[in-house]
Amino acid sequence: MKKIYVLSSISVFAIAVFLFGSFLKTPRTLQTRHVVQGEEAEEAIGRAEWEMSRLADPATGKIPAGMREKELAFAAGMPRMAMSQATARMTSSLLIAAR
């Protein structure tokens, strides 16, 4: 019985060394970006222009400075959604049934 434990321990250790060693030898390469061409490129440009037109100040044509911070402050002031009564009843009944 003791031989089985020793053999299994050695096997697990050998597998771990093999996997970790091959992980270290794998070259790290930078991910290349997908090159967009043709109709797909036109769609991407159109989406970017549309997004810019939605976010930009009409007077300047630019997105105002600090807009992200203002957006986060506005979202923080919004009320949180309350749990519906049906969900609350179902949750409480599941908790009671689990006891």
PDB file of N, CA and C in Angstrom:
ATOM      1  N   MET A   1       0.815  -1.181   0.000  1.00  0.00           N
ATOM      2  CA  MET A   1       0.000   0.000   0.000  1.00  0.00           C
ATOM      3  C   MET A   1       0.865   1.253   0.000  1.00  0.00           C
ATOM      4  N   LYS A   2       1.958   1.175   0.741  1.00  0.00           N
ATOM      5  CA  LYS A   2       2.862   2.300   0.827  1.00  0.00           C
ATOM      6  C   LYS A   2       3.516   2.562  -0.525  1.00  0.00           C
ATOM      7  N   LYS A   3       3.757   1.504  -1.299  1.00  0.00           N
ATOM      8  CA  LYS A   3       4.363   1.642  -2.620  1.00  0.00           C
ATOM      9  C   LYS A   3       3.436   2.400  -3.564  1.00  0.00           C
ATOM     10  N   ILE A   4       2.143   2.197  -3.437  1.00  0.00           N
ATOM     11  CA  ILE A   4       1.165   2.880  -4.304  1.00  0.00           C
ATOM     12  C   ILE A   4       1.193   4.379  -4.030  1.00  0.00           C
ATOM     13  N   TYR A   5       1.254   4.777  -2.763  1.00  0.00           N
ATOM     14  CA  TYR A   5       1.307   6.195  -2.415  1.00  0.00           C
ATOM     15  C   TYR A   5       2.589   6.835  -2.945  1.00  0.00           C
ATOM     16  N   VAL A   6       3.702   6.153  -2.788  1.00  0.00           N
ATOM     17  CA  VAL A   6       4.975   6.686  -3.258  1.00  0.00           C
ATOM     18  C   VAL A   6       4.954   6.800  -4.773  1.00  0.00           C
ATOM     19  N   LEU A   7       4.487   5.777  -5.451  1.00  0.00           N
ATOM     20  CA  LEU A   7       4.434   5.782  -6.908  1.00  0.00           C
ATOM     21  C   LEU A   7       3.493   6.867  -7.427  1.00  0.00           C
ATOM     22  N   SER A   8       2.325   7.026  -6.809  1.00  0.00           N
ATOM     23  CA  SER A   8       1.381   8.060  -7.257  1.00  0.00           C
ATOM     24  C   SER A   8       1.929   9.455  -6.972  1.00  0.00           C
ATOM     25  N   SER A   9       2.613   9.635  -5.858  1.00  0.00           N
ATOM     26  CA  SER A   9       3.204  10.931  -5.544  1.00  0.00           C
ATOM     27  C   SER A   9       4.276  11.307  -6.551  1.00  0.00           C
ATOM     28  N   ILE A  10       5.121  10.336  -6.904  1.00  0.00           N
ATOM     29  CA  ILE A  10       6.174  10.580  -7.891  1.00  0.00           C
ATOM     30  C   ILE A  10       5.557  10.884  -9.254  1.00  0.00           C
ATOM     31  N   SER A  11       4.502  10.178  -9.609  1.00  0.00           N
ATOM     32  CA  SER A  11       3.837  10.405 -10.899  1.00  0.00           C
ATOM     33  C   SER A  11       3.237  11.809 -10.970  1.00  0.00           C
ATOM     34  N   VAL A  12       2.552  12.218  -9.915  1.00  0.00           N
ATOM     35  CA  VAL A  12       1.957  13.555  -9.886  1.00  0.00           C
ATOM     36  C   VAL A  12       3.044  14.619  -9.964  1.00  0.00           C
ATOM     37  N   PHE A  13       4.123  14.423  -9.254  1.00  0.00           N
ATOM     38  CA  PHE A  13       5.229  15.376  -9.286  1.00  0.00           C
ATOM     39  C   PHE A  13       5.838  15.454 -10.679  1.00  0.00           C
ATOM     40  N   ALA A  14       6.040  14.319 -11.323  1.00  0.00           N
ATOM     41  CA  ALA A  14       6.630  14.297 -12.668  1.00  0.00           C
ATOM     42  C   ALA A  14       5.717  15.003 -13.677  1.00  0.00           C
ATOM     43  N   ILE A  15       4.428  14.785 -13.585  1.00  0.00           N
ATOM     44  CA  ILE A  15       3.481  15.442 -14.493  1.00  0.00           C
ATOM     45  C   ILE A  15       3.495  16.949 -14.260  1.00  0.00           C
ATOM     46  N   ALA A  16       3.527  17.355 -12.997  1.00  0.00           N
ATOM     47  CA  ALA A  16       3.549  18.782 -12.681  1.00  0.00           C
ATOM     48  C   ALA A  16       4.808  19.449 -13.221  1.00  0.00           C
ATOM     49  N   VAL A  17       5.958  18.795 -13.060  1.00  0.00           N
ATOM     50  CA  VAL A  17       7.219  19.341 -13.579  1.00  0.00           C
ATOM     51  C   VAL A  17       7.167  19.429 -15.096  1.00  0.00           C
ATOM     52  N   PHE A  18       6.635  18.419 -15.749  1.00  0.00           N
ATOM     53  CA  PHE A  18       6.539  18.425 -17.207  1.00  0.00           C
ATOM     54  C   PHE A  18       5.657  19.572 -17.694  1.00  0.00           C
ATOM     55  N   LEU A  19       4.471  19.714 -17.085  1.00  0.00           N
ATOM     56  CA  LEU A  19       3.556  20.770 -17.510  1.00  0.00           C
ATOM     57  C   LEU A  19       4.108  22.155 -17.218  1.00  0.00           C
ATOM     58  N   PHE A  20       4.679  22.334 -16.056  1.00  0.00           N
ATOM     59  CA  PHE A  20       5.231  23.639 -15.697  1.00  0.00           C
ATOM     60  C   PHE A  20       6.438  23.974 -16.562  1.00  0.00           C
ATOM     61  N   GLY A  21       7.259  22.987 -16.850  1.00  0.00           N
ATOM     62  CA  GLY A  21       8.429  23.202 -17.705  1.00  0.00           C
ATOM     63  C   GLY A  21       8.037  23.588 -19.119  1.00  0.00           C
ATOM     64  N   SER A  22       7.023  22.934 -19.671  1.00  0.00           N
ATOM     65  CA  SER A  22       6.585  23.279 -21.022  1.00  0.00           C
ATOM     66  C   SER A  22       5.924  24.649 -21.040  1.00  0.00           C
ATOM     67  N   PHE A  23       5.293  25.038 -19.927  1.00  0.00           N
ATOM     68  CA  PHE A  23       4.694  26.367 -19.836  1.00  0.00           C
ATOM     69  C   PHE A  23       5.771  27.441 -19.882  1.00  0.00           C
ATOM     70  N   LEU A  24       6.893  27.202 -19.208  1.00  0.00           N
ATOM     71  CA  LEU A  24       7.971  28.183 -19.194  1.00  0.00           C
ATOM     72  C   LEU A  24       8.662  28.292 -20.545  1.00  0.00           C
ATOM     73  N   LYS A  25       8.694  27.207 -21.316  1.00  0.00           N
ATOM     74  CA  LYS A  25       9.377  27.223 -22.609  1.00  0.00           C
ATOM     75  C   LYS A  25       8.529  27.858 -23.711  1.00  0.00           C
ATOM     76  N   THR A  26       7.230  28.006 -23.484  1.00  0.00           N
ATOM     77  CA  THR A  26       6.356  28.570 -24.504  1.00  0.00           C
ATOM     78  C   THR A  26       6.698  30.041 -24.694  1.00  0.00           C
ATOM     79  N   PRO A  27       7.032  30.453 -25.921  1.00  0.00           N
ATOM     80  CA  PRO A  27       7.384  31.862 -26.130  1.00  0.00           C
ATOM     81  C   PRO A  27       6.165  32.760 -25.967  1.00  0.00           C
ATOM     82  N   ARG A  28       6.389  33.875 -25.369  1.00  0.00           N
ATOM     83  CA  ARG A  28       5.321  34.854 -25.198  1.00  0.00           C
ATOM     84  C   ARG A  28       5.350  35.789 -26.407  1.00  0.00           C
ATOM     85  N   THR A  29       4.256  35.855 -27.117  1.00  0.00           N
ATOM     86  CA  THR A  29       4.184  36.729 -28.279  1.00  0.00           C
ATOM     87  C   THR A  29       3.083  37.746 -28.062  1.00  0.00           C
ATOM     88  N   LEU A  30       3.249  38.874 -28.669  1.00  0.00           N
ATOM     89  CA  LEU A  30       2.211  39.890 -28.593  1.00  0.00           C
ATOM     90  C   LEU A  30       1.063  39.483 -29.486  1.00  0.00           C
ATOM     91  N   GLN A  31      -0.132  39.777 -29.041  1.00  0.00           N
ATOM     92  CA  GLN A  31      -1.292  39.463 -29.855  1.00  0.00           C
ATOM     93  C   GLN A  31      -1.368  40.466 -30.993  1.00  0.00           C
ATOM     94  N   THR A  32      -1.591  39.950 -32.164  1.00  0.00           N
ATOM     95  CA  THR A  32      -1.730  40.842 -33.307  1.00  0.00           C
ATOM     96  C   THR A  32      -3.185  41.229 -33.446  1.00  0.00           C
ATOM     97  N   ARG A  33      -3.409  42.437 -33.858  1.00  0.00           N
ATOM     98  CA  ARG A  33      -4.778  42.905 -34.039  1.00  0.00           C
ATOM     99  C   ARG A  33      -5.309  42.421 -35.368  1.00  0.00           C
ATOM    100  N   HIS A  34      -6.600  42.218 -35.376  1.00  0.00           N
ATOM    101  CA  HIS A  34      -7.271  41.778 -36.585  1.00  0.00           C
ATOM    102  C   HIS A  34      -7.312  42.943 -37.566  1.00  0.00           C
ATOM    103  N   VAL A  35      -6.809  42.732 -38.755  1.00  0.00           N
ATOM    104  CA  VAL A  35      -6.814  43.776 -39.774  1.00  0.00           C
ATOM    105  C   VAL A  35      -8.169  43.759 -40.465  1.00  0.00           C
ATOM    106  N   VAL A  36      -8.825  44.899 -40.436  1.00  0.00           N
ATOM    107  CA  VAL A  36     -10.162  45.021 -41.006  1.00  0.00           C
ATOM    108  C   VAL A  36     -10.044  45.621 -42.395  1.00  0.00           C
ATOM    109  N   GLN A  37     -10.722  44.983 -43.349  1.00  0.00           N
ATOM    110  CA  GLN A  37     -10.641  45.466 -44.729  1.00  0.00           C
ATOM    111  C   GLN A  37     -12.018  45.464 -45.368  1.00  0.00           C
ATOM    112  N   GLY A  38     -12.161  46.253 -46.412  1.00  0.00           N
ATOM    113  CA  GLY A  38     -13.363  46.241 -47.227  1.00  0.00           C
ATOM    114  C   GLY A  38     -14.596  46.754 -46.510  1.00  0.00           C
ATOM    115  N   GLU A  39     -15.689  46.049 -46.700  1.00  0.00           N
ATOM    116  CA  GLU A  39     -16.979  46.461 -46.143  1.00  0.00           C
ATOM    117  C   GLU A  39     -16.945  46.483 -44.622  1.00  0.00           C
ATOM    118  N   GLU A  40     -16.221  45.545 -44.031  1.00  0.00           N
ATOM    119  CA  GLU A  40     -16.104  45.501 -42.574  1.00  0.00           C
ATOM    120  C   GLU A  40     -15.416  46.756 -42.051  1.00  0.00           C
ATOM    121  N   ALA A  41     -14.431  47.256 -42.772  1.00  0.00           N
ATOM    122  CA  ALA A  41     -13.741  48.480 -42.374  1.00  0.00           C
ATOM    123  C   ALA A  41     -14.675  49.679 -42.463  1.00  0.00           C
ATOM    124  N   GLU A  42     -15.483  49.731 -43.509  1.00  0.00           N
ATOM    125  CA  GLU A  42     -16.440  50.827 -43.667  1.00  0.00           C
ATOM    126  C   GLU A  42     -17.459  50.822 -42.534  1.00  0.00           C
ATOM    127  N   GLU A  43     -17.914  49.631 -42.137  1.00  0.00           N
ATOM    128  CA  GLU A  43     -18.856  49.526 -41.021  1.00  0.00           C
ATOM    129  C   GLU A  43     -18.218  49.993 -39.721  1.00  0.00           C
ATOM    130  N   ALA A  44     -16.954  49.627 -39.493  1.00  0.00           N
ATOM    131  CA  ALA A  44     -16.257  50.031 -38.271  1.00  0.00           C
ATOM    132  C   ALA A  44     -16.084  51.544 -38.228  1.00  0.00           C
ATOM    133  N   ILE A  45     -15.737  52.134 -39.346  1.00  0.00           N
ATOM    134  CA  ILE A  45     -15.580  53.591 -39.405  1.00  0.00           C
ATOM    135  C   ILE A  45     -16.927  54.263 -39.173  1.00  0.00           C
ATOM    136  N   GLY A  46     -17.972  53.715 -39.776  1.00  0.00           N
ATOM    137  CA  GLY A  46     -19.310  54.268 -39.584  1.00  0.00           C
ATOM    138  C   GLY A  46     -19.765  54.206 -38.142  1.00  0.00           C
ATOM    139  N   ARG A  47     -19.479  53.074 -37.463  1.00  0.00           N
ATOM    140  CA  ARG A  47     -19.844  52.939 -36.045  1.00  0.00           C
ATOM    141  C   ARG A  47     -19.091  53.959 -35.195  1.00  0.00           C
ATOM    142  N   ALA A  48     -17.808  54.143 -35.482  1.00  0.00           N
ATOM    143  CA  ALA A  48     -17.007  55.105 -34.721  1.00  0.00           C
ATOM    144  C   ALA A  48     -17.517  56.529 -34.933  1.00  0.00           C
ATOM    145  N   GLU A  49     -17.860  56.877 -36.173  1.00  0.00           N
ATOM    146  CA  GLU A  49     -18.390  58.211 -36.457  1.00  0.00           C
ATOM    147  C   GLU A  49     -19.733  58.421 -35.762  1.00  0.00           C
ATOM    148  N   TRP A  50     -20.588  57.408 -35.784  1.00  0.00           N
ATOM    149  CA  TRP A  50     -21.893  57.503 -35.132  1.00  0.00           C
ATOM    150  C   TRP A  50     -21.732  57.695 -33.634  1.00  0.00           C
ATOM    151  N   GLU A  51     -20.839  56.904 -33.015  1.00  0.00           N
ATOM    152  CA  GLU A  51     -20.595  57.011 -31.575  1.00  0.00           C
ATOM    153  C   GLU A  51     -20.065  58.401 -31.231  1.00  0.00           C
ATOM    154  N   MET A  52     -19.163  58.912 -32.038  1.00  0.00           N
ATOM    155  CA  MET A  52     -18.605  60.239 -31.797  1.00  0.00           C
ATOM    156  C   MET A  52     -19.687  61.305 -31.914  1.00  0.00           C
ATOM    157  N   SER A  53     -20.582  61.166 -32.888  1.00  0.00           N
ATOM    158  CA  SER A  53     -21.647  62.154 -33.057  1.00  0.00           C
ATOM    159  C   SER A  53     -22.621  62.125 -31.878  1.00  0.00           C
ATOM    160  N   ARG A  54     -22.796  60.982 -31.253  1.00  0.00           N
ATOM    161  CA  ARG A  54     -23.682  60.866 -30.092  1.00  0.00           C
ATOM    162  C   ARG A  54     -23.069  61.493 -28.847  1.00  0.00           C
ATOM    163  N   LEU A  55     -21.757  61.353 -28.683  1.00  0.00           N
ATOM    164  CA  LEU A  55     -21.100  61.786 -27.458  1.00  0.00           C
ATOM    165  C   LEU A  55     -20.542  63.203 -27.524  1.00  0.00           C
ATOM    166  N   ALA A  56     -20.298  63.704 -28.717  1.00  0.00           N
ATOM    167  CA  ALA A  56     -19.631  64.996 -28.870  1.00  0.00           C
ATOM    168  C   ALA A  56     -20.578  66.158 -28.564  1.00  0.00           C
ATOM    169  N   ASP A  57     -19.987  67.235 -28.070  1.00  0.00           N
ATOM    170  CA  ASP A  57     -20.714  68.479 -27.854  1.00  0.00           C
ATOM    171  C   ASP A  57     -20.976  69.106 -29.226  1.00  0.00           C
ATOM    172  N   PRO A  58     -22.234  69.415 -29.551  1.00  0.00           N
ATOM    173  CA  PRO A  58     -22.526  69.954 -30.884  1.00  0.00           C
ATOM    174  C   PRO A  58     -21.784  71.253 -31.197  1.00  0.00           C
ATOM    175  N   ALA A  59     -21.509  72.067 -30.189  1.00  0.00           N
ATOM    176  CA  ALA A  59     -20.837  73.340 -30.424  1.00  0.00           C
ATOM    177  C   ALA A  59     -19.363  73.163 -30.782  1.00  0.00           C
ATOM    178  N   THR A  60     -18.692  72.202 -30.124  1.00  0.00           N
ATOM    179  CA  THR A  60     -17.254  72.033 -30.337  1.00  0.00           C
ATOM    180  C   THR A  60     -16.908  70.834 -31.198  1.00  0.00           C
ATOM    181  N   GLY A  61     -17.816  69.848 -31.232  1.00  0.00           N
ATOM    182  CA  GLY A  61     -17.529  68.627 -31.980  1.00  0.00           C
ATOM    183  C   GLY A  61     -16.608  67.677 -31.240  1.00  0.00           C
ATOM    184  N   LYS A  62     -16.354  67.946 -29.968  1.00  0.00           N
ATOM    185  CA  LYS A  62     -15.470  67.104 -29.158  1.00  0.00           C
ATOM    186  C   LYS A  62     -16.212  66.607 -27.927  1.00  0.00           C
ATOM    187  N   ILE A  63     -15.726  65.511 -27.360  1.00  0.00           N
ATOM    188  CA  ILE A  63     -16.287  64.992 -26.112  1.00  0.00           C
ATOM    189  C   ILE A  63     -15.731  65.851 -24.984  1.00  0.00           C
ATOM    190  N   PRO A  64     -16.597  66.414 -24.132  1.00  0.00           N
ATOM    191  CA  PRO A  64     -16.122  67.284 -23.049  1.00  0.00           C
ATOM    192  C   PRO A  64     -15.179  66.556 -22.094  1.00  0.00           C
ATOM    193  N   ALA A  65     -14.223  67.305 -21.564  1.00  0.00           N
ATOM    194  CA  ALA A  65     -13.254  66.743 -20.622  1.00  0.00           C
ATOM    195  C   ALA A  65     -13.967  66.342 -19.337  1.00  0.00           C
ATOM    196  N   GLY A  66     -13.558  65.245 -18.737  1.00  0.00           N
ATOM    197  CA  GLY A  66     -14.123  64.789 -17.473  1.00  0.00           C
ATOM    198  C   GLY A  66     -15.508  64.176 -17.608  1.00  0.00           C
ATOM    199  N   MET A  67     -15.900  63.809 -18.805  1.00  0.00           N
ATOM    200  CA  MET A  67     -17.243  63.281 -19.008  1.00  0.00           C
ATOM    201  C   MET A  67     -17.419  61.931 -18.309  1.00  0.00           C
ATOM    202  N   ARG A  68     -16.390  61.101 -18.290  1.00  0.00           N
ATOM    203  CA  ARG A  68     -16.501  59.792 -17.641  1.00  0.00           C
ATOM    204  C   ARG A  68     -16.762  59.946 -16.150  1.00  0.00           C
ATOM    205  N   GLU A  69     -16.084  60.886 -15.506  1.00  0.00           N
ATOM    206  CA  GLU A  69     -16.291  61.111 -14.082  1.00  0.00           C
ATOM    207  C   GLU A  69     -17.709  61.601 -13.817  1.00  0.00           C
ATOM    208  N   LYS A  70     -18.219  62.489 -14.682  1.00  0.00           N
ATOM    209  CA  LYS A  70     -19.595  62.975 -14.531  1.00  0.00           C
ATOM    210  C   LYS A  70     -20.591  61.835 -14.715  1.00  0.00           C
ATOM    211  N   GLU A  71     -20.313  60.955 -15.660  1.00  0.00           N
ATOM    212  CA  GLU A  71     -21.186  59.808 -15.906  1.00  0.00           C
ATOM    213  C   GLU A  71     -21.238  58.892 -14.687  1.00  0.00           C
ATOM    214  N   LEU A  72     -20.072  58.619 -14.095  1.00  0.00           N
ATOM    215  CA  LEU A  72     -20.019  57.752 -12.913  1.00  0.00           C
ATOM    216  C   LEU A  72     -20.714  58.395 -11.717  1.00  0.00           C
ATOM    217  N   ALA A  73     -20.553  59.715 -11.557  1.00  0.00           N
ATOM    218  CA  ALA A  73     -21.217  60.402 -10.450  1.00  0.00           C
ATOM    219  C   ALA A  73     -22.734  60.358 -10.625  1.00  0.00           C
ATOM    220  N   PHE A  74     -23.200  60.523 -11.848  1.00  0.00           N
ATOM    221  CA  PHE A  74     -24.627  60.457 -12.112  1.00  0.00           C
ATOM    222  C   PHE A  74     -25.161  59.058 -11.811  1.00  0.00           C
ATOM    223  N   ALA A  75     -24.440  58.037 -12.253  1.00  0.00           N
ATOM    224  CA  ALA A  75     -24.882  56.658 -12.034  1.00  0.00           C
ATOM    225  C   ALA A  75     -24.883  56.307 -10.550  1.00  0.00           C
ATOM    226  N   ALA A  76     -23.953  56.862  -9.794  1.00  0.00           N
ATOM    227  CA  ALA A  76     -23.897  56.567  -8.359  1.00  0.00           C
ATOM    228  C   ALA A  76     -25.102  57.155  -7.635  1.00  0.00           C
ATOM    229  N   GLY A  77     -25.665  58.238  -8.156  1.00  0.00           N
ATOM    230  CA  GLY A  77     -26.804  58.873  -7.520  1.00  0.00           C
ATOM    231  C   GLY A  77     -28.138  58.249  -7.885  1.00  0.00           C
ATOM    232  N   MET A  78     -28.151  57.324  -8.816  1.00  0.00           N
ATOM    233  CA  MET A  78     -29.406  56.695  -9.242  1.00  0.00           C
ATOM    234  C   MET A  78     -29.850  55.671  -8.199  1.00  0.00           C
ATOM    235  N   PRO A  79     -31.161  55.524  -8.017  1.00  0.00           N
ATOM    236  CA  PRO A  79     -31.638  54.538  -7.032  1.00  0.00           C
ATOM    237  C   PRO A  79     -31.352  53.111  -7.502  1.00  0.00           C
ATOM    238  N   ARG A  80     -31.072  52.274  -6.553  1.00  0.00           N
ATOM    239  CA  ARG A  80     -30.826  50.863  -6.852  1.00  0.00           C
ATOM    240  C   ARG A  80     -32.153  50.174  -7.111  1.00  0.00           C
ATOM    241  N   MET A  81     -32.153  49.161  -7.969  1.00  0.00           N
ATOM    242  CA  MET A  81     -33.379  48.401  -8.227  1.00  0.00           C
ATOM    243  C   MET A  81     -33.682  47.529  -7.011  1.00  0.00           C
ATOM    244  N   ALA A  82     -34.902  47.588  -6.565  1.00  0.00           N
ATOM    245  CA  ALA A  82     -35.315  46.773  -5.429  1.00  0.00           C
ATOM    246  C   ALA A  82     -35.681  45.378  -5.932  1.00  0.00           C
ATOM    247  N   MET A  83     -35.471  44.411  -5.064  1.00  0.00           N
ATOM    248  CA  MET A  83     -35.829  43.050  -5.420  1.00  0.00           C
ATOM    249  C   MET A  83     -37.353  42.946  -5.502  1.00  0.00           C
ATOM    250  N   SER A  84     -37.849  42.339  -6.545  1.00  0.00           N
ATOM    251  CA  SER A  84     -39.303  42.220  -6.683  1.00  0.00           C
ATOM    252  C   SER A  84     -39.858  41.321  -5.580  1.00  0.00           C
ATOM    253  N   GLN A  85     -41.117  41.522  -5.274  1.00  0.00           N
ATOM    254  CA  GLN A  85     -41.732  40.741  -4.198  1.00  0.00           C
ATOM    255  C   GLN A  85     -41.783  39.266  -4.545  1.00  0.00           C
ATOM    256  N   ALA A  86     -42.024  38.948  -5.823  1.00  0.00           N
ATOM    257  CA  ALA A  86     -42.081  37.535  -6.224  1.00  0.00           C
ATOM    258  C   ALA A  86     -40.726  36.873  -6.041  1.00  0.00           C
ATOM    259  N   THR A  87     -39.666  37.579  -6.402  1.00  0.00           N
ATOM    260  CA  THR A  87     -38.320  37.028  -6.243  1.00  0.00           C
ATOM    261  C   THR A  87     -37.999  36.869  -4.766  1.00  0.00           C
ATOM    262  N   ALA A  88     -38.396  37.843  -3.959  1.00  0.00           N
ATOM    263  CA  ALA A  88     -38.141  37.772  -2.525  1.00  0.00           C
ATOM    264  C   ALA A  88     -38.880  36.587  -1.905  1.00  0.00           C
ATOM    265  N   ARG A  89     -40.149  36.373  -2.308  1.00  0.00           N
ATOM    266  CA  ARG A  89     -40.907  35.239  -1.780  1.00  0.00           C
ATOM    267  C   ARG A  89     -40.266  33.918  -2.182  1.00  0.00           C
ATOM    268  N   MET A  90     -39.856  33.829  -3.455  1.00  0.00           N
ATOM    269  CA  MET A  90     -39.261  32.593  -3.935  1.00  0.00           C
ATOM    270  C   MET A  90     -37.951  32.305  -3.212  1.00  0.00           C
ATOM    271  N   THR A  91     -37.144  33.342  -3.020  1.00  0.00           N
ATOM    272  CA  THR A  91     -35.877  33.168  -2.326  1.00  0.00           C
ATOM    273  C   THR A  91     -36.097  32.731  -0.891  1.00  0.00           C
ATOM    274  N   SER A  92     -37.040  33.362  -0.204  1.00  0.00           N
ATOM    275  CA  SER A  92     -37.286  33.001   1.195  1.00  0.00           C
ATOM    276  C   SER A  92     -37.846  31.586   1.307  1.00  0.00           C
ATOM    277  N   SER A  93     -38.708  31.183   0.355  1.00  0.00           N
ATOM    278  CA  SER A  93     -39.247  29.825   0.421  1.00  0.00           C
ATOM    279  C   SER A  93     -38.160  28.795   0.137  1.00  0.00           C
ATOM    280  N   LEU A  94     -37.214  29.117  -0.744  1.00  0.00           N
ATOM    281  CA  LEU A  94     -36.108  28.190  -1.002  1.00  0.00           C
ATOM    282  C   LEU A  94     -35.211  28.072   0.207  1.00  0.00           C
ATOM    283  N   LEU A  95     -34.982  29.194   0.896  1.00  0.00           N
ATOM    284  CA  LEU A  95     -34.154  29.146   2.087  1.00  0.00           C
ATOM    285  C   LEU A  95     -34.810  28.335   3.191  1.00  0.00           C
ATOM    286  N   ILE A  96     -36.133  28.467   3.325  1.00  0.00           N
ATOM    287  CA  ILE A  96     -36.845  27.692   4.337  1.00  0.00           C
ATOM    288  C   ILE A  96     -36.830  26.211   3.983  1.00  0.00           C
ATOM    289  N   ALA A  97     -37.003  25.890   2.687  1.00  0.00           N
ATOM    290  CA  ALA A  97     -37.012  24.491   2.261  1.00  0.00           C
ATOM    291  C   ALA A  97     -35.636  23.842   2.419  1.00  0.00           C
ATOM    292  N   ALA A  98     -34.579  24.655   2.340  1.00  0.00           N
ATOM    293  CA  ALA A  98     -33.224  24.113   2.445  1.00  0.00           C
ATOM    294  C   ALA A  98     -32.853  23.732   3.867  1.00  0.00           C
ATOM    295  N   ARG A  99     -33.613  24.209   4.845  1.00  0.00           N
ATOM    296  CA  ARG A  99     -33.291  23.911   6.255  1.00  0.00           C
ATOM    297  C   ARG A  99     -33.622  22.555   6.593  1.00  0.00           C
TER     298      ARG A  99
END
